[in-house]
Amino acid sequence: TSSFLPVSVPGIGGGSQSSDVSEITREIAE
């Protein structure tokens, strides 16, 4: 919905364009 949802909301939906942030953190950890 292009709205910014708070972190505390459980079971957040997430749009189809969302990506796995761990791919970025993995690059940093490497």
PDB file of all heavy atoms in Angstrom:
ATOM      1  N   THR A   1       0.822  -1.219   0.000  1.00  0.00           N
ATOM      2  CA  THR A   1       0.000   0.000   0.000  1.00  0.00           C
ATOM      3  C   THR A   1       0.849   1.258   0.000  1.00  0.00           C
ATOM      4  O   THR A   1       0.326   2.353   0.137  1.00  0.00           O
ATOM      5  CB  THR A   1      -0.912   0.012   1.240  1.00  0.00           C
ATOM      6  OG1 THR A   1      -0.093  -0.027   2.426  1.00  0.00           O
ATOM      7  CG2 THR A   1      -1.832  -1.193   1.236  1.00  0.00           C
ATOM      8  N   SER A   2       2.199   1.065  -0.104  1.00  0.00           N
ATOM      9  CA  SER A   2       3.142   2.194  -0.082  1.00  0.00           C
ATOM     10  C   SER A   2       3.108   2.957   1.223  1.00  0.00           C
ATOM     11  O   SER A   2       3.495   4.112   1.305  1.00  0.00           O
ATOM     12  CB  SER A   2       2.860   3.173  -1.240  1.00  0.00           C
ATOM     13  OG  SER A   2       3.024   2.519  -2.470  1.00  0.00           O
ATOM     14  N   SER A   3       2.571   2.333   2.277  1.00  0.00           N
ATOM     15  CA  SER A   3       2.576   2.965   3.598  1.00  0.00           C
ATOM     16  C   SER A   3       3.665   2.331   4.437  1.00  0.00           C
ATOM     17  O   SER A   3       3.980   1.155   4.267  1.00  0.00           O
ATOM     18  CB  SER A   3       1.220   2.790   4.289  1.00  0.00           C
ATOM     19  OG  SER A   3       0.953   1.405   4.474  1.00  0.00           O
ATOM     20  N   PHE A   4       4.205   3.082   5.347  1.00  0.00           N
ATOM     21  CA  PHE A   4       5.301   2.578   6.183  1.00  0.00           C
ATOM     22  C   PHE A   4       4.730   1.959   7.443  1.00  0.00           C
ATOM     23  O   PHE A   4       4.137   2.630   8.274  1.00  0.00           O
ATOM     24  CB  PHE A   4       6.240   3.738   6.548  1.00  0.00           C
ATOM     25  CG  PHE A   4       7.542   3.277   7.119  1.00  0.00           C
ATOM     26  CD1 PHE A   4       8.572   2.859   6.286  1.00  0.00           C
ATOM     27  CD2 PHE A   4       7.739   3.237   8.484  1.00  0.00           C
ATOM     28  CE1 PHE A   4       9.770   2.419   6.822  1.00  0.00           C
ATOM     29  CE2 PHE A   4       8.941   2.801   9.011  1.00  0.00           C
ATOM     30  CZ  PHE A   4       9.951   2.391   8.175  1.00  0.00           C
ATOM     31  N   LEU A   5       4.860   0.641   7.568  1.00  0.00           N
ATOM     32  CA  LEU A   5       4.293  -0.048   8.704  1.00  0.00           C
ATOM     33  C   LEU A   5       5.288  -0.136   9.834  1.00  0.00           C
ATOM     34  O   LEU A   5       6.475  -0.314   9.591  1.00  0.00           O
ATOM     35  CB  LEU A   5       3.875  -1.469   8.276  1.00  0.00           C
ATOM     36  CG  LEU A   5       2.809  -1.545   7.170  1.00  0.00           C
ATOM     37  CD1 LEU A   5       2.515  -3.005   6.839  1.00  0.00           C
ATOM     38  CD2 LEU A   5       1.533  -0.841   7.604  1.00  0.00           C
ATOM     39  N   PRO A   6       4.829  -0.010  11.094  1.00  0.00           N
ATOM     40  CA  PRO A   6       5.744  -0.074  12.228  1.00  0.00           C
ATOM     41  C   PRO A   6       6.346  -1.459  12.398  1.00  0.00           C
ATOM     42  O   PRO A   6       5.757  -2.468  12.030  1.00  0.00           O
ATOM     43  CB  PRO A   6       4.858   0.287  13.424  1.00  0.00           C
ATOM     44  CG  PRO A   6       3.475  -0.039  12.981  1.00  0.00           C
ATOM     45  CD  PRO A   6       3.431   0.246  11.514  1.00  0.00           C
ATOM     46  N   VAL A   7       7.525  -1.525  12.991  1.00  0.00           N
ATOM     47  CA  VAL A   7       8.244  -2.768  13.172  1.00  0.00           C
ATOM     48  C   VAL A   7       7.474  -3.731  14.057  1.00  0.00           C
ATOM     49  O   VAL A   7       7.554  -4.945  13.903  1.00  0.00           O
ATOM     50  CB  VAL A   7       9.628  -2.481  13.795  1.00  0.00           C
ATOM     51  CG1 VAL A   7      10.389  -3.773  14.062  1.00  0.00           C
ATOM     52  CG2 VAL A   7      10.449  -1.584  12.882  1.00  0.00           C
ATOM     53  N   SER A   8       6.703  -3.203  14.991  1.00  0.00           N
ATOM     54  CA  SER A   8       6.061  -4.052  15.987  1.00  0.00           C
ATOM     55  C   SER A   8       4.859  -4.829  15.450  1.00  0.00           C
ATOM     56  O   SER A   8       4.327  -5.683  16.132  1.00  0.00           O
ATOM     57  CB  SER A   8       5.617  -3.202  17.188  1.00  0.00           C
ATOM     58  OG  SER A   8       4.712  -2.199  16.763  1.00  0.00           O
ATOM     59  N   VAL A   9       4.387  -4.534  14.219  1.00  0.00           N
ATOM     60  CA  VAL A   9       3.223  -5.228  13.681  1.00  0.00           C
ATOM     61  C   VAL A   9       3.595  -6.668  13.355  1.00  0.00           C
ATOM     62  O   VAL A   9       4.479  -6.911  12.536  1.00  0.00           O
ATOM     63  CB  VAL A   9       2.701  -4.525  12.409  1.00  0.00           C
ATOM     64  CG1 VAL A   9       1.585  -5.348  11.776  1.00  0.00           C
ATOM     65  CG2 VAL A   9       2.206  -3.132  12.758  1.00  0.00           C
ATOM     66  N   PRO A  10       2.949  -7.667  13.975  1.00  0.00           N
ATOM     67  CA  PRO A  10       3.280  -9.065  13.703  1.00  0.00           C
ATOM     68  C   PRO A  10       2.722  -9.523  12.363  1.00  0.00           C
ATOM     69  O   PRO A  10       1.714  -9.005  11.881  1.00  0.00           O
ATOM     70  CB  PRO A  10       2.621  -9.812  14.870  1.00  0.00           C
ATOM     71  CG  PRO A  10       1.456  -8.958  15.233  1.00  0.00           C
ATOM     72  CD  PRO A  10       1.891  -7.545  15.001  1.00  0.00           C
ATOM     73  N   GLY A  11       3.357 -10.508  11.748  1.00  0.00           N
ATOM     74  CA  GLY A  11       2.864 -11.099  10.512  1.00  0.00           C
ATOM     75  C   GLY A  11       2.730 -10.095   9.399  1.00  0.00           C
ATOM     76  O   GLY A  11       1.756 -10.096   8.643  1.00  0.00           O
ATOM     77  N   ILE A  12       3.691  -9.199   9.247  1.00  0.00           N
ATOM     78  CA  ILE A  12       3.625  -8.144   8.248  1.00  0.00           C
ATOM     79  C   ILE A  12       3.580  -8.750   6.843  1.00  0.00           C
ATOM     80  O   ILE A  12       4.216  -9.764   6.578  1.00  0.00           O
ATOM     81  CB  ILE A  12       4.822  -7.195   8.420  1.00  0.00           C
ATOM     82  CG1 ILE A  12       4.632  -5.958   7.564  1.00  0.00           C
ATOM     83  CG2 ILE A  12       6.125  -7.867   8.057  1.00  0.00           C
ATOM     84  CD1 ILE A  12       5.605  -4.869   7.890  1.00  0.00           C
ATOM     85  N   GLY A  13       2.784  -8.161   5.960  1.00  0.00           N
ATOM     86  CA  GLY A  13       2.584  -8.740   4.638  1.00  0.00           C
ATOM     87  C   GLY A  13       3.816  -8.642   3.756  1.00  0.00           C
ATOM     88  O   GLY A  13       4.471  -9.615   3.461  1.00  0.00           O
ATOM     89  N   GLY A  14       4.141  -7.440   3.354  1.00  0.00           N
ATOM     90  CA  GLY A  14       5.314  -7.262   2.510  1.00  0.00           C
ATOM     91  C   GLY A  14       4.957  -7.362   1.043  1.00  0.00           C
ATOM     92  O   GLY A  14       4.289  -8.285   0.605  1.00  0.00           O
ATOM     93  N   GLY A  15       5.387  -6.388   0.262  1.00  0.00           N
ATOM     94  CA  GLY A  15       5.083  -6.400  -1.161  1.00  0.00           C
ATOM     95  C   GLY A  15       5.943  -7.384  -1.922  1.00  0.00           C
ATOM     96  O   GLY A  15       6.929  -7.896  -1.426  1.00  0.00           O
ATOM     97  N   SER A  16       5.518  -7.625  -3.169  1.00  0.00           N
ATOM     98  CA  SER A  16       6.251  -8.583  -3.998  1.00  0.00           C
ATOM     99  C   SER A  16       7.638  -8.083  -4.348  1.00  0.00           C
ATOM    100  O   SER A  16       8.492  -8.855  -4.766  1.00  0.00           O
ATOM    101  CB  SER A  16       5.456  -8.854  -5.284  1.00  0.00           C
ATOM    102  OG  SER A  16       5.268  -7.642  -6.017  1.00  0.00           O
ATOM    103  N   GLN A  17       7.879  -6.769  -4.207  1.00  0.00           N
ATOM    104  CA  GLN A  17       9.184  -6.204  -4.539  1.00  0.00           C
ATOM    105  C   GLN A  17      10.159  -6.237  -3.365  1.00  0.00           C
ATOM    106  O   GLN A  17      11.321  -5.881  -3.516  1.00  0.00           O
ATOM    107  CB  GLN A  17       9.022  -4.758  -5.020  1.00  0.00           C
ATOM    108  CG  GLN A  17       8.212  -4.640  -6.301  1.00  0.00           C
ATOM    109  CD  GLN A  17       8.102  -3.207  -6.774  1.00  0.00           C
ATOM    110  OE1 GLN A  17       8.767  -2.319  -6.256  1.00  0.00           O
ATOM    111  NE2 GLN A  17       7.255  -2.966  -7.760  1.00  0.00           N
ATOM    112  N   SER A  18       9.688  -6.643  -2.190  1.00  0.00           N
ATOM    113  CA  SER A  18      10.584  -6.747  -1.041  1.00  0.00           C
ATOM    114  C   SER A  18      11.628  -7.828  -1.301  1.00  0.00           C
ATOM    115  O   SER A  18      11.353  -8.826  -1.976  1.00  0.00           O
ATOM    116  CB  SER A  18       9.803  -7.093   0.230  1.00  0.00           C
ATOM    117  OG  SER A  18       8.880  -6.074   0.555  1.00  0.00           O
ATOM    118  N   SER A  19      12.827  -7.636  -0.764  1.00  0.00           N
ATOM    119  CA  SER A  19      13.887  -8.622  -0.947  1.00  0.00           C
ATOM    120  C   SER A  19      14.476  -8.999   0.405  1.00  0.00           C
ATOM    121  O   SER A  19      14.243  -8.329   1.410  1.00  0.00           O
ATOM    122  CB  SER A  19      14.983  -8.073  -1.867  1.00  0.00           C
ATOM    123  OG  SER A  19      15.533  -6.882  -1.329  1.00  0.00           O
ATOM    124  N   ASP A  20      15.237 -10.069   0.421  1.00  0.00           N
ATOM    125  CA  ASP A  20      15.818 -10.598   1.647  1.00  0.00           C
ATOM    126  C   ASP A  20      17.000  -9.729   2.072  1.00  0.00           C
ATOM    127  O   ASP A  20      18.029  -9.668   1.389  1.00  0.00           O
ATOM    128  CB  ASP A  20      16.284 -12.037   1.404  1.00  0.00           C
ATOM    129  CG  ASP A  20      16.620 -12.764   2.697  1.00  0.00           C
ATOM    130  OD1 ASP A  20      16.950 -12.088   3.688  1.00  0.00           O
ATOM    131  OD2 ASP A  20      16.564 -14.008   2.703  1.00  0.00           O
ATOM    132  N   VAL A  21      16.866  -9.047   3.206  1.00  0.00           N
ATOM    133  CA  VAL A  21      17.925  -8.146   3.655  1.00  0.00           C
ATOM    134  C   VAL A  21      19.177  -8.913   4.075  1.00  0.00           C
ATOM    135  O   VAL A  21      20.276  -8.355   4.126  1.00  0.00           O
ATOM    136  CB  VAL A  21      17.414  -7.249   4.813  1.00  0.00           C
ATOM    137  CG1 VAL A  21      17.300  -8.055   6.107  1.00  0.00           C
ATOM    138  CG2 VAL A  21      18.331  -6.048   5.025  1.00  0.00           C
ATOM    139  N   SER A  22      19.027 -10.221   4.368  1.00  0.00           N
ATOM    140  CA  SER A  22      20.194 -11.005   4.782  1.00  0.00           C
ATOM    141  C   SER A  22      21.209 -11.158   3.650  1.00  0.00           C
ATOM    142  O   SER A  22      22.368 -11.477   3.898  1.00  0.00           O
ATOM    143  CB  SER A  22      19.766 -12.386   5.290  1.00  0.00           C
ATOM    144  OG  SER A  22      19.238 -13.183   4.256  1.00  0.00           O
ATOM    145  N   GLU A  23      20.766 -10.949   2.398  1.00  0.00           N
ATOM    146  CA  GLU A  23      21.714 -10.992   1.292  1.00  0.00           C
ATOM    147  C   GLU A  23      22.734  -9.856   1.419  1.00  0.00           C
ATOM    148  O   GLU A  23      23.895  -9.993   1.059  1.00  0.00           O
ATOM    149  CB  GLU A  23      20.976 -10.899  -0.042  1.00  0.00           C
ATOM    150  CG  GLU A  23      20.081 -12.099  -0.331  1.00  0.00           C
ATOM    151  CD  GLU A  23      19.341 -11.961  -1.641  1.00  0.00           C
ATOM    152  OE1 GLU A  23      19.573 -10.946  -2.342  1.00  0.00           O
ATOM    153  OE2 GLU A  23      18.532 -12.848  -1.970  1.00  0.00           O
ATOM    154  N   ILE A  24      22.269  -8.710   1.954  1.00  0.00           N
ATOM    155  CA  ILE A  24      23.173  -7.569   2.153  1.00  0.00           C
ATOM    156  C   ILE A  24      24.043  -7.790   3.388  1.00  0.00           C
ATOM    157  O   ILE A  24      25.257  -7.560   3.351  1.00  0.00           O
ATOM    158  CB  ILE A  24      22.365  -6.263   2.291  1.00  0.00           C
ATOM    159  CG1 ILE A  24      21.504  -6.031   1.057  1.00  0.00           C
ATOM    160  CG2 ILE A  24      23.313  -5.083   2.515  1.00  0.00           C
ATOM    161  CD1 ILE A  24      20.597  -4.818   1.161  1.00  0.00           C
ATOM    162  N   THR A  25      23.412  -8.245   4.480  1.00  0.00           N
ATOM    163  CA  THR A  25      24.197  -8.460   5.698  1.00  0.00           C
ATOM    164  C   THR A  25      25.238  -9.552   5.496  1.00  0.00           C
ATOM    165  O   THR A  25      26.304  -9.508   6.097  1.00  0.00           O
ATOM    166  CB  THR A  25      23.277  -8.829   6.875  1.00  0.00           C
ATOM    167  OG1 THR A  25      22.551 -10.025   6.566  1.00  0.00           O
ATOM    168  CG2 THR A  25      22.296  -7.714   7.181  1.00  0.00           C
ATOM    169  N   ARG A  26      24.932 -10.536   4.633  1.00  0.00           N
ATOM    170  CA  ARG A  26      25.900 -11.592   4.351  1.00  0.00           C
ATOM    171  C   ARG A  26      27.128 -11.015   3.640  1.00  0.00           C
ATOM    172  O   ARG A  26      28.261 -11.398   3.927  1.00  0.00           O
ATOM    173  CB  ARG A  26      25.259 -12.687   3.495  1.00  0.00           C
ATOM    174  CG  ARG A  26      26.127 -13.935   3.337  1.00  0.00           C
ATOM    175  CD  ARG A  26      25.433 -14.989   2.506  1.00  0.00           C
ATOM    176  NE  ARG A  26      24.149 -15.359   3.087  1.00  0.00           N
ATOM    177  CZ  ARG A  26      22.971 -15.123   2.514  1.00  0.00           C
ATOM    178  NH1 ARG A  26      22.921 -14.500   1.353  1.00  0.00           N
ATOM    179  NH2 ARG A  26      21.853 -15.499   3.108  1.00  0.00           N
ATOM    180  N   GLU A  27      26.893 -10.079   2.733  1.00  0.00           N
ATOM    181  CA  GLU A  27      28.014  -9.434   2.031  1.00  0.00           C
ATOM    182  C   GLU A  27      28.906  -8.686   3.020  1.00  0.00           C
ATOM    183  O   GLU A  27      30.128  -8.699   2.907  1.00  0.00           O
ATOM    184  CB  GLU A  27      27.495  -8.467   0.976  1.00  0.00           C
ATOM    185  CG  GLU A  27      27.038  -9.111  -0.300  1.00  0.00           C
ATOM    186  CD  GLU A  27      26.769  -8.080  -1.378  1.00  0.00           C
ATOM    187  OE1 GLU A  27      25.665  -7.503  -1.376  1.00  0.00           O
ATOM    188  OE2 GLU A  27      27.657  -7.830  -2.202  1.00  0.00           O
ATOM    189  N   ILE A  28      28.257  -8.025   3.976  1.00  0.00           N
ATOM    190  CA  ILE A  28      29.024  -7.284   4.977  1.00  0.00           C
ATOM    191  C   ILE A  28      29.801  -8.243   5.871  1.00  0.00           C
ATOM    192  O   ILE A  28      30.979  -8.023   6.178  1.00  0.00           O
ATOM    193  CB  ILE A  28      28.095  -6.386   5.815  1.00  0.00           C
ATOM    194  CG1 ILE A  28      27.418  -5.345   4.917  1.00  0.00           C
ATOM    195  CG2 ILE A  28      28.873  -5.694   6.926  1.00  0.00           C
ATOM    196  CD1 ILE A  28      26.400  -4.490   5.630  1.00  0.00           C
ATOM    197  N   ALA A  29      29.159  -9.334   6.286  1.00  0.00           N
ATOM    198  CA  ALA A  29      29.819 -10.309   7.156  1.00  0.00           C
ATOM    199  C   ALA A  29      31.016 -10.952   6.470  1.00  0.00           C
ATOM    200  O   ALA A  29      32.011 -11.299   7.119  1.00  0.00           O
ATOM    201  CB  ALA A  29      28.817 -11.377   7.589  1.00  0.00           C
ATOM    202  N   GLU A  30      30.955 -11.102   5.145  1.00  0.00           N
ATOM    203  CA  GLU A  30      32.053 -11.727   4.404  1.00  0.00           C
ATOM    204  C   GLU A  30      33.311 -10.876   4.387  1.00  0.00           C
ATOM    205  O   GLU A  30      34.378 -11.356   4.004  1.00  0.00           O
ATOM    206  CB  GLU A  30      31.606 -12.034   2.978  1.00  0.00           C
ATOM    207  CG  GLU A  30      30.631 -13.203   2.880  1.00  0.00           C
ATOM    208  CD  GLU A  30      30.123 -13.425   1.468  1.00  0.00           C
ATOM    209  OE1 GLU A  30      30.422 -12.581   0.590  1.00  0.00           O
ATOM    210  OE2 GLU A  30      29.415 -14.422   1.243  1.00  0.00           O
TER     211      GLU A  30
END
